[in-house]
N, C-alpha and C. Protein backbone atom coordinates (compact mmCIF):
# COMPACT_ATOMS: atom_id res chain seq x y z
N MET A 1 102.67 71.82 90.11
CA MET A 1 102.82 73.18 90.78
C MET A 1 101.63 73.89 90.03
N THR A 2 100.67 74.63 90.89
CA THR A 2 99.63 75.32 90.18
C THR A 2 99.98 76.72 89.84
N ASP A 3 99.66 77.11 88.84
CA ASP A 3 99.95 78.56 88.27
C ASP A 3 99.39 79.66 89.24
N ILE A 4 100.18 80.62 89.56
CA ILE A 4 99.77 81.70 90.47
C ILE A 4 98.62 82.32 89.73
N ARG A 5 98.85 82.71 88.50
CA ARG A 5 97.65 83.39 87.67
C ARG A 5 96.26 82.76 87.80
N GLU A 6 96.40 81.43 87.61
CA GLU A 6 95.17 80.62 87.59
C GLU A 6 94.58 80.68 88.95
N LEU A 7 95.45 80.63 90.05
CA LEU A 7 94.92 80.85 91.36
C LEU A 7 94.10 82.03 91.66
N LEU A 8 94.85 83.16 91.06
CA LEU A 8 94.34 84.41 91.52
C LEU A 8 93.01 84.82 90.64
N ARG A 9 92.76 83.89 89.67
CA ARG A 9 91.50 83.99 88.88
C ARG A 9 90.39 83.64 89.91
N LYS A 10 90.74 82.75 90.72
CA LYS A 10 89.55 82.17 91.53
C LYS A 10 89.24 83.34 92.71
N GLU A 11 87.91 83.63 92.60
CA GLU A 11 87.26 84.60 93.66
C GLU A 11 87.59 84.15 95.09
N ASP A 12 87.63 82.98 95.57
CA ASP A 12 87.67 82.48 96.78
C ASP A 12 89.12 82.87 97.26
N VAL A 13 90.14 82.58 96.51
CA VAL A 13 91.52 82.74 96.80
C VAL A 13 91.83 84.25 96.93
N ARG A 14 91.14 85.11 95.94
CA ARG A 14 91.49 86.52 95.98
C ARG A 14 90.79 87.08 97.22
N SER A 15 89.61 86.60 97.63
CA SER A 15 88.87 87.14 98.69
C SER A 15 89.38 86.76 100.06
N ILE A 16 89.99 85.60 100.19
CA ILE A 16 90.69 85.38 101.44
C ILE A 16 92.01 86.00 101.50
N SER A 17 92.61 85.93 100.30
CA SER A 17 94.00 86.87 100.46
C SER A 17 93.78 88.27 100.70
N ARG A 18 92.93 88.89 100.35
CA ARG A 18 92.41 90.38 100.43
C ARG A 18 92.10 90.46 101.92
N ARG A 19 91.35 89.74 102.59
CA ARG A 19 91.10 89.69 104.01
C ARG A 19 92.32 89.71 104.94
N TYR A 20 93.05 88.67 104.46
CA TYR A 20 94.38 88.67 105.40
C TYR A 20 95.20 89.76 105.16
N PHE A 21 95.49 90.17 103.94
CA PHE A 21 96.30 91.41 103.57
C PHE A 21 95.84 92.74 104.27
N ILE A 22 94.36 92.93 104.17
CA ILE A 22 93.74 94.21 104.84
C ILE A 22 93.79 93.91 106.24
N SER A 23 93.48 92.89 106.83
CA SER A 23 93.39 92.83 108.22
C SER A 23 94.84 92.94 108.95
N ASN A 24 95.78 92.45 108.40
CA ASN A 24 97.02 92.31 109.00
C ASN A 24 97.82 93.76 108.66
N GLY A 25 97.40 94.33 107.38
CA GLY A 25 97.84 95.54 107.09
C GLY A 25 97.33 96.59 107.95
N PHE A 26 96.16 96.62 108.44
CA PHE A 26 95.46 97.39 109.31
C PHE A 26 96.14 97.29 110.66
N ASP A 27 96.38 96.06 110.99
CA ASP A 27 97.15 95.75 112.48
C ASP A 27 98.52 96.48 112.38
N GLY A 28 99.21 96.19 111.24
CA GLY A 28 100.68 96.75 111.03
C GLY A 28 100.73 98.33 111.17
N THR A 29 99.65 98.84 110.43
CA THR A 29 99.71 100.54 110.42
C THR A 29 99.31 100.92 111.79
N LEU A 30 98.27 100.38 112.52
CA LEU A 30 98.10 100.86 113.89
C LEU A 30 99.30 100.66 114.75
N THR A 31 100.03 99.48 114.58
CA THR A 31 101.14 99.36 115.40
C THR A 31 102.30 100.21 114.86
N SER A 32 102.45 100.62 113.85
CA SER A 32 103.55 101.53 113.27
C SER A 32 103.04 102.96 114.04
N ILE A 33 101.94 103.44 113.85
CA ILE A 33 101.58 104.78 114.62
C ILE A 33 101.74 104.63 115.89
N GLY A 34 101.49 103.60 116.79
CA GLY A 34 101.75 103.44 118.18
C GLY A 34 103.37 103.59 118.32
N VAL A 35 103.92 102.85 117.69
CA VAL A 35 105.56 102.96 117.69
C VAL A 35 105.98 104.38 117.63
N ILE A 36 105.55 105.16 116.52
CA ILE A 36 105.90 106.19 116.14
C ILE A 36 105.60 107.32 117.30
N VAL A 37 104.33 107.41 117.73
CA VAL A 37 104.03 108.38 118.82
C VAL A 37 104.68 107.94 120.08
N GLY A 38 104.86 106.52 120.44
CA GLY A 38 105.54 106.13 121.67
C GLY A 38 106.88 106.55 121.64
N ALA A 39 107.69 106.37 120.48
CA ALA A 39 109.02 106.59 120.44
C ALA A 39 109.22 108.08 120.58
N TYR A 40 108.32 108.95 119.92
CA TYR A 40 108.50 110.38 119.99
C TYR A 40 108.31 110.79 121.52
N LEU A 41 107.18 110.35 122.16
CA LEU A 41 106.89 110.70 123.56
C LEU A 41 107.97 110.11 124.62
N SER A 42 108.42 109.07 124.16
CA SER A 42 109.50 108.40 125.07
C SER A 42 110.92 109.21 124.94
N GLY A 43 111.04 109.92 123.90
CA GLY A 43 112.30 110.70 123.80
C GLY A 43 113.31 110.12 123.05
N VAL A 44 113.07 109.08 122.05
CA VAL A 44 114.04 108.44 121.31
C VAL A 44 114.79 109.53 120.57
N PRO A 45 116.01 109.52 120.51
CA PRO A 45 116.58 110.74 120.17
C PRO A 45 116.90 110.83 118.57
N ASP A 46 116.69 109.72 117.83
CA ASP A 46 116.90 110.05 116.39
C ASP A 46 116.11 109.10 115.49
N GLY A 47 115.79 109.59 114.16
CA GLY A 47 114.93 108.79 113.42
C GLY A 47 115.32 107.56 113.03
N LEU A 48 116.44 107.18 112.94
CA LEU A 48 116.98 105.89 112.54
C LEU A 48 116.78 104.77 113.71
N THR A 49 116.67 105.39 114.91
CA THR A 49 116.41 104.49 115.84
C THR A 49 114.90 103.96 115.93
N VAL A 50 114.05 104.99 115.61
CA VAL A 50 112.60 104.84 115.44
C VAL A 50 112.42 103.91 114.30
N PHE A 51 113.07 104.00 113.30
CA PHE A 51 112.91 103.26 112.11
C PHE A 51 113.33 101.89 112.34
N LYS A 52 114.30 101.46 113.05
CA LYS A 52 114.99 100.24 113.36
C LYS A 52 113.98 99.50 114.34
N ILE A 53 113.39 100.35 115.34
CA ILE A 53 112.43 99.73 116.29
C ILE A 53 111.03 99.32 115.44
N GLY A 54 110.59 100.12 114.56
CA GLY A 54 109.49 99.71 113.72
C GLY A 54 109.84 98.57 112.94
N LEU A 55 111.05 98.47 112.41
CA LEU A 55 111.43 97.21 111.71
C LEU A 55 111.23 95.93 112.43
N GLY A 56 111.54 96.15 113.72
CA GLY A 56 111.44 94.84 114.53
C GLY A 56 109.93 94.63 114.52
N ALA A 57 109.10 95.58 114.64
CA ALA A 57 107.79 95.23 114.66
C ALA A 57 107.12 94.45 113.46
N ALA A 58 107.82 94.95 112.43
CA ALA A 58 107.60 94.63 111.08
C ALA A 58 107.71 93.11 110.85
N VAL A 59 109.00 92.86 111.42
CA VAL A 59 109.47 91.39 111.23
C VAL A 59 108.44 90.57 112.17
N GLY A 60 108.35 91.02 113.25
CA GLY A 60 107.37 90.23 113.95
C GLY A 60 106.03 90.15 113.55
N LEU A 61 105.30 91.18 113.01
CA LEU A 61 103.82 91.02 112.65
C LEU A 61 104.01 90.30 111.19
N GLY A 62 105.00 90.72 110.36
CA GLY A 62 105.13 89.88 108.99
C GLY A 62 105.20 88.36 109.14
N THR A 63 106.05 88.12 110.19
CA THR A 63 106.33 86.68 110.33
C THR A 63 105.06 85.91 111.02
N SER A 64 104.41 86.67 111.99
CA SER A 64 103.02 86.12 112.45
C SER A 64 102.03 86.02 111.37
N GLY A 65 102.17 87.03 110.32
CA GLY A 65 100.97 86.99 109.41
C GLY A 65 101.23 85.72 108.36
N VAL A 66 102.41 85.33 108.19
CA VAL A 66 102.74 84.18 106.99
C VAL A 66 102.59 83.01 107.91
N TRP A 67 103.20 82.93 109.16
CA TRP A 67 103.20 81.54 109.94
C TRP A 67 101.69 81.33 110.33
N SER A 68 100.86 82.24 110.86
CA SER A 68 99.72 81.88 111.20
C SER A 68 98.64 81.50 110.18
N VAL A 69 98.70 82.24 109.13
CA VAL A 69 97.90 81.93 108.13
C VAL A 69 98.30 80.56 107.49
N TRP A 70 99.59 80.33 107.37
CA TRP A 70 100.09 79.04 106.78
C TRP A 70 99.36 77.86 107.70
N GLU A 71 99.51 78.03 108.93
CA GLU A 71 98.91 77.12 109.71
C GLU A 71 97.33 76.98 109.79
N ILE A 72 96.81 78.09 109.81
CA ILE A 72 95.32 78.24 109.70
C ILE A 72 94.70 77.71 108.47
N GLU A 73 95.35 78.02 107.37
CA GLU A 73 94.97 77.57 105.87
C GLU A 73 95.33 76.24 105.78
N ARG A 74 96.36 75.68 106.41
CA ARG A 74 96.63 74.22 106.20
C ARG A 74 95.60 73.42 106.95
N ALA A 75 95.15 73.80 108.21
CA ALA A 75 94.17 73.12 108.81
C ALA A 75 92.84 73.09 108.22
N GLU A 76 92.37 74.36 107.66
CA GLU A 76 91.29 74.42 106.85
C GLU A 76 91.22 73.74 105.52
N LYS A 77 92.04 74.01 104.79
CA LYS A 77 92.20 73.09 103.55
C LYS A 77 92.27 71.72 103.77
N GLN A 78 92.88 71.29 104.78
CA GLN A 78 93.00 69.75 104.92
C GLN A 78 91.61 69.37 105.42
N ALA A 79 90.80 70.07 106.17
CA ALA A 79 89.47 69.77 106.77
C ALA A 79 88.57 69.80 105.33
N GLU A 80 88.71 70.74 104.49
CA GLU A 80 87.96 70.66 103.01
C GLU A 80 88.35 69.37 102.26
N ILE A 81 89.65 69.15 102.11
CA ILE A 81 89.88 67.99 101.46
C ILE A 81 89.25 66.64 101.96
N VAL A 82 89.30 66.61 103.25
CA VAL A 82 88.76 65.46 103.77
C VAL A 82 87.27 65.20 103.51
N ARG A 83 86.50 66.42 103.57
CA ARG A 83 85.09 66.55 103.49
C ARG A 83 84.81 66.19 101.82
N ILE A 84 85.63 66.44 101.07
CA ILE A 84 85.42 66.26 99.66
C ILE A 84 86.01 64.76 99.36
N GLU A 85 86.84 64.32 100.01
CA GLU A 85 87.19 62.78 99.82
C GLU A 85 86.08 61.93 100.25
N ARG A 86 85.53 62.32 101.51
CA ARG A 86 84.31 61.48 102.02
C ARG A 86 83.35 61.47 101.22
N ALA A 87 82.99 62.95 100.56
CA ALA A 87 81.76 62.67 99.56
C ALA A 87 81.90 62.12 98.09
N MET A 88 83.28 62.01 97.80
CA MET A 88 83.53 61.43 96.63
C MET A 88 83.99 60.04 96.77
N LEU A 89 84.24 59.52 98.14
CA LEU A 89 84.82 58.23 98.38
C LEU A 89 86.07 57.87 97.65
N THR A 90 86.89 58.96 97.52
CA THR A 90 88.25 58.76 96.75
C THR A 90 89.35 59.54 97.36
N ASP A 91 90.65 59.26 97.33
CA ASP A 91 91.90 59.90 97.94
C ASP A 91 92.05 61.06 96.86
N LEU A 92 92.19 62.03 97.38
CA LEU A 92 92.65 63.37 96.54
C LEU A 92 94.06 63.67 96.58
N GLU A 93 94.80 62.86 97.10
CA GLU A 93 96.47 63.11 97.40
C GLU A 93 96.98 63.23 95.80
N ASP A 94 97.80 64.10 95.82
CA ASP A 94 98.47 64.57 94.41
C ASP A 94 97.46 64.59 93.44
N THR A 95 96.30 65.27 93.52
CA THR A 95 95.53 65.64 92.51
C THR A 95 95.48 67.04 92.30
N LYS A 96 94.89 67.75 91.30
CA LYS A 96 94.76 69.23 91.02
C LYS A 96 94.04 69.74 92.04
N VAL A 97 93.07 69.08 92.66
CA VAL A 97 92.47 69.85 93.70
C VAL A 97 93.36 70.05 95.01
N GLN A 98 94.16 69.07 95.35
CA GLN A 98 95.00 69.04 96.51
C GLN A 98 96.12 70.16 96.07
N ARG A 99 96.71 70.01 94.85
CA ARG A 99 97.67 71.18 94.61
C ARG A 99 97.21 72.64 94.65
N ASP A 100 95.84 72.67 94.05
CA ASP A 100 95.18 74.12 94.22
C ASP A 100 95.20 74.42 95.74
N GLN A 101 94.84 73.56 96.57
CA GLN A 101 94.78 74.07 97.84
C GLN A 101 96.00 74.54 98.51
N VAL A 102 97.16 73.63 98.24
CA VAL A 102 98.52 74.14 98.77
C VAL A 102 98.87 75.45 98.11
N GLY A 103 98.71 75.74 96.75
CA GLY A 103 98.98 76.91 96.21
C GLY A 103 98.14 78.03 96.72
N ALA A 104 96.80 77.81 96.97
CA ALA A 104 96.06 78.89 97.63
C ALA A 104 96.51 79.25 99.03
N ARG A 105 97.07 78.16 99.83
CA ARG A 105 97.57 78.57 100.95
C ARG A 105 98.69 79.42 100.97
N LYS A 106 99.54 79.08 99.80
CA LYS A 106 100.64 79.89 99.92
C LYS A 106 100.52 81.46 99.40
N VAL A 107 99.48 81.47 98.55
CA VAL A 107 99.02 82.97 98.05
C VAL A 107 98.38 83.76 99.47
N ASN A 108 97.68 83.13 100.24
CA ASN A 108 97.09 83.54 101.38
C ASN A 108 98.04 83.90 102.37
N ALA A 109 99.33 83.02 102.60
CA ALA A 109 100.13 83.30 103.58
C ALA A 109 101.03 84.61 103.02
N VAL A 110 101.30 84.65 101.69
CA VAL A 110 102.16 85.59 101.42
C VAL A 110 101.40 86.84 101.56
N ALA A 111 100.13 87.05 101.20
CA ALA A 111 99.44 88.19 101.32
C ALA A 111 99.27 88.73 102.68
N SER A 112 99.10 87.77 103.79
CA SER A 112 98.97 87.84 104.95
C SER A 112 100.19 88.63 105.59
N GLY A 113 101.52 88.31 105.09
CA GLY A 113 102.65 88.70 105.46
C GLY A 113 103.07 89.97 104.91
N ILE A 114 102.66 90.36 103.73
CA ILE A 114 102.89 91.55 103.12
C ILE A 114 102.21 92.68 103.56
N GLY A 115 100.88 92.47 104.00
CA GLY A 115 99.93 93.56 104.66
C GLY A 115 100.62 94.24 105.76
N PRO A 116 101.19 93.66 106.83
CA PRO A 116 101.81 94.33 107.89
C PRO A 116 103.19 94.97 107.46
N LEU A 117 103.86 94.44 106.59
CA LEU A 117 105.15 95.01 106.18
C LEU A 117 104.77 96.46 105.52
N ILE A 118 103.82 96.51 104.65
CA ILE A 118 103.43 97.80 104.01
C ILE A 118 102.97 98.69 105.17
N GLY A 119 102.14 98.24 105.90
CA GLY A 119 101.56 98.97 107.00
C GLY A 119 102.35 99.52 108.00
N ILE A 120 103.48 98.86 108.10
CA ILE A 120 104.54 99.53 109.26
C ILE A 120 105.60 100.29 108.57
N ILE A 121 106.14 99.86 107.51
CA ILE A 121 107.16 100.40 106.92
C ILE A 121 106.81 101.95 106.20
N LEU A 122 105.82 101.96 105.47
CA LEU A 122 105.58 103.30 104.92
C LEU A 122 105.22 104.29 105.96
N PRO A 123 104.66 104.19 107.09
CA PRO A 123 104.58 105.47 108.05
C PRO A 123 105.91 105.61 108.62
N LEU A 124 106.96 104.62 108.57
CA LEU A 124 108.22 104.83 109.22
C LEU A 124 109.12 105.46 108.28
N LEU A 125 108.82 105.65 107.14
CA LEU A 125 109.76 106.34 106.06
C LEU A 125 110.26 107.42 106.30
N PRO A 126 109.24 108.60 106.87
CA PRO A 126 109.87 109.64 107.33
C PRO A 126 111.08 109.91 108.30
N PHE A 127 111.03 108.98 109.05
CA PHE A 127 112.05 108.79 110.09
C PHE A 127 113.63 108.73 109.50
N LEU A 128 113.55 108.15 108.22
CA LEU A 128 114.95 108.21 107.47
C LEU A 128 115.29 109.57 106.92
N LEU A 129 114.51 110.55 107.05
CA LEU A 129 114.74 111.95 106.59
C LEU A 129 114.97 112.72 108.00
N HIS A 130 115.13 112.16 109.06
CA HIS A 130 115.11 112.97 110.23
C HIS A 130 116.71 113.56 110.25
N GLY A 131 116.90 114.70 110.55
CA GLY A 131 118.17 115.41 110.40
C GLY A 131 118.58 115.93 109.13
N ILE A 132 118.07 115.41 108.19
CA ILE A 132 118.19 115.82 106.73
C ILE A 132 117.26 116.81 106.15
N TYR A 133 115.85 116.52 106.31
CA TYR A 133 114.88 117.40 106.02
C TYR A 133 113.82 117.62 107.01
N LEU A 134 113.90 116.75 108.08
CA LEU A 134 112.65 116.73 109.15
C LEU A 134 113.19 116.67 110.42
N SER A 135 112.46 117.40 111.28
CA SER A 135 112.81 117.23 112.77
C SER A 135 112.01 115.94 113.27
N LEU A 136 112.35 115.59 114.44
CA LEU A 136 111.63 114.41 114.99
C LEU A 136 110.02 114.71 115.07
N LEU A 137 109.65 115.75 115.36
CA LEU A 137 108.40 116.11 115.52
C LEU A 137 107.56 116.16 114.22
N GLU A 138 108.38 116.72 113.26
CA GLU A 138 107.83 116.63 111.80
C GLU A 138 107.86 115.15 111.26
N ALA A 139 108.86 114.50 111.39
CA ALA A 139 108.78 113.01 111.01
C ALA A 139 107.71 112.10 111.75
N THR A 140 107.38 112.41 112.94
CA THR A 140 106.39 111.85 113.81
C THR A 140 104.87 112.33 113.28
N LEU A 141 104.80 113.55 112.86
CA LEU A 141 103.48 114.20 112.24
C LEU A 141 103.18 113.49 110.84
N VAL A 142 104.39 113.56 110.09
CA VAL A 142 104.19 113.00 108.62
C VAL A 142 104.08 111.51 108.70
N GLY A 143 104.75 110.77 109.58
CA GLY A 143 104.52 109.41 109.80
C GLY A 143 102.97 109.01 110.18
N ILE A 144 102.47 109.84 111.02
CA ILE A 144 100.97 109.66 111.51
C ILE A 144 100.22 109.77 110.10
N ALA A 145 100.42 110.92 109.50
CA ALA A 145 99.59 111.17 108.22
C ALA A 145 99.82 110.10 107.24
N ILE A 146 100.88 109.62 107.08
CA ILE A 146 101.17 108.43 106.14
C ILE A 146 100.15 107.27 106.52
N GLY A 147 100.44 107.01 107.95
CA GLY A 147 99.80 105.66 108.36
C GLY A 147 98.06 106.02 108.13
N VAL A 148 97.59 107.16 108.44
CA VAL A 148 96.29 107.49 108.24
C VAL A 148 95.73 107.26 106.79
N LEU A 149 96.70 107.78 106.02
CA LEU A 149 96.43 107.65 104.49
C LEU A 149 96.42 106.21 104.17
N VAL A 150 97.26 105.28 104.74
CA VAL A 150 97.32 103.95 104.33
C VAL A 150 96.02 103.28 104.81
N LEU A 151 95.55 103.65 106.00
CA LEU A 151 94.38 103.08 106.52
C LEU A 151 93.20 103.53 105.80
N PHE A 152 93.17 104.97 105.35
CA PHE A 152 92.20 105.44 104.32
C PHE A 152 92.16 104.45 103.01
N SER A 153 93.22 104.17 102.42
CA SER A 153 93.32 103.65 101.30
C SER A 153 92.79 102.11 101.59
N PHE A 154 93.13 101.42 102.49
CA PHE A 154 92.55 100.10 102.69
C PHE A 154 90.95 100.33 102.83
N GLY A 155 90.54 101.21 103.58
CA GLY A 155 89.02 101.40 103.71
C GLY A 155 88.37 101.76 102.41
N ALA A 156 89.05 102.70 101.74
CA ALA A 156 88.48 102.98 100.49
C ALA A 156 88.49 101.86 99.55
N TYR A 157 89.49 100.98 99.50
CA TYR A 157 89.32 99.93 98.71
C TYR A 157 88.20 98.87 99.03
N LEU A 158 88.06 98.62 100.28
CA LEU A 158 87.08 97.87 100.75
C LEU A 158 85.62 98.27 100.36
N GLY A 159 85.57 99.66 100.67
CA GLY A 159 84.36 100.37 100.16
C GLY A 159 84.15 100.16 98.70
N SER A 160 85.13 100.27 97.80
CA SER A 160 84.77 100.16 96.50
C SER A 160 84.55 98.83 96.11
N ILE A 161 85.12 97.76 96.57
CA ILE A 161 84.68 96.60 96.15
C ILE A 161 83.34 95.93 96.69
N SER A 162 82.81 96.63 97.82
CA SER A 162 81.71 96.17 98.31
C SER A 162 80.60 97.13 97.90
N LYS A 163 80.77 98.05 96.94
CA LYS A 163 79.82 99.09 96.65
C LYS A 163 79.26 99.94 97.61
N GLN A 164 80.02 100.27 98.56
CA GLN A 164 79.82 101.29 99.62
C GLN A 164 80.38 102.62 99.14
N ASN A 165 80.18 103.66 99.91
CA ASN A 165 80.72 104.91 99.68
C ASN A 165 82.21 104.86 99.95
N TRP A 166 83.01 104.80 99.14
CA TRP A 166 84.49 104.67 99.45
C TRP A 166 85.11 105.59 100.12
N ILE A 167 84.70 106.88 100.13
CA ILE A 167 85.13 107.99 101.13
C ILE A 167 84.81 107.73 102.50
N VAL A 168 83.43 107.33 102.55
CA VAL A 168 83.18 107.09 103.92
C VAL A 168 83.87 105.81 104.58
N ALA A 169 83.93 104.92 103.82
CA ALA A 169 84.72 103.66 104.24
C ALA A 169 86.12 103.87 104.59
N GLY A 170 86.78 104.85 103.76
CA GLY A 170 88.11 105.28 104.01
C GLY A 170 88.41 106.00 105.10
N VAL A 171 87.46 106.85 105.49
CA VAL A 171 87.41 107.90 106.77
C VAL A 171 87.28 106.93 107.88
N ARG A 172 86.31 105.89 107.80
CA ARG A 172 86.26 105.28 109.08
C ARG A 172 87.47 104.50 109.30
N MET A 173 88.12 103.93 108.21
CA MET A 173 89.58 103.18 108.62
C MET A 173 90.53 104.08 109.17
N GLY A 174 90.77 105.27 108.55
CA GLY A 174 91.60 106.27 108.67
C GLY A 174 91.56 106.86 110.24
N LEU A 175 90.14 106.86 110.77
CA LEU A 175 90.01 107.43 111.93
C LEU A 175 90.65 106.42 113.03
N ALA A 176 90.83 105.10 112.66
CA ALA A 176 91.45 104.26 113.69
C ALA A 176 92.94 104.76 114.10
N GLY A 177 93.63 105.23 112.94
CA GLY A 177 94.97 105.65 113.06
C GLY A 177 94.94 107.07 113.97
N LEU A 178 94.07 108.03 113.83
CA LEU A 178 93.96 108.91 114.68
C LEU A 178 93.58 108.48 116.13
N VAL A 179 92.73 107.51 116.26
CA VAL A 179 92.45 107.11 117.77
C VAL A 179 93.62 106.51 118.53
N VAL A 180 94.41 105.80 117.73
CA VAL A 180 95.70 105.17 118.17
C VAL A 180 96.65 106.25 118.62
N ALA A 181 96.80 107.33 117.78
CA ALA A 181 97.69 108.30 118.08
C ALA A 181 97.26 109.18 119.39
N PHE A 182 96.06 109.29 119.30
CA PHE A 182 95.44 110.09 120.51
C PHE A 182 95.76 109.17 121.82
N LEU A 183 95.21 108.07 121.85
CA LEU A 183 95.49 107.15 122.87
C LEU A 183 96.68 107.04 123.54
N ASN A 184 97.81 107.06 122.65
CA ASN A 184 99.27 106.97 123.14
C ASN A 184 99.58 108.34 123.82
N LEU A 185 98.95 109.51 123.48
CA LEU A 185 99.32 110.52 124.45
C LEU A 185 99.00 110.32 125.66
N PHE A 186 98.18 109.48 126.19
CA PHE A 186 97.78 109.13 127.66
C PHE A 186 98.59 107.93 128.29
N LEU A 187 99.54 107.47 127.45
CA LEU A 187 100.41 106.47 128.23
C LEU A 187 101.46 106.99 128.91
N PRO A 188 101.94 106.26 129.98
CA PRO A 188 103.09 106.84 130.55
C PRO A 188 104.24 106.79 129.85
N GLY A 189 104.96 107.68 129.68
CA GLY A 189 106.43 107.55 128.89
C GLY A 189 107.32 108.45 129.36
């Protein structure tokens, strides 16, 4: 069993995991904003129902993130092992190289599944306060704002690691949330 700390010290493992986390977190956040606006415009009567609908999306996207990356990385890592075995003229079964590949696949799959869970659940949290502190409209607006902030955070983080202006990168990502909210206004509901 490869040590998780050892794997996370490897830039290629961190880089791939980061990509899956941000990409699927981005998808999850946009999905959450779509669910939030769609639920409000469709007349869903209470926040708990909106939260439950969003949880269904979180389960779907979280499962998709883990499963798809598990299979994608299985194929990619196996192809890489075959290339190394051909070059070295040796079998790498049950070696550190093979164990590291399996460990990296696990890290990548977990990161891929966590991204959409965060992206969906955080914007839905205001709906748990419906009827206590917030009206449905207020929960909707706060949920959209949280979603845009999550997207901004993703963009700012990417901007910082790529030595870009993190504010500009954050605004570019956050803008996607506003676009999704706006486009949902024109859907039949």
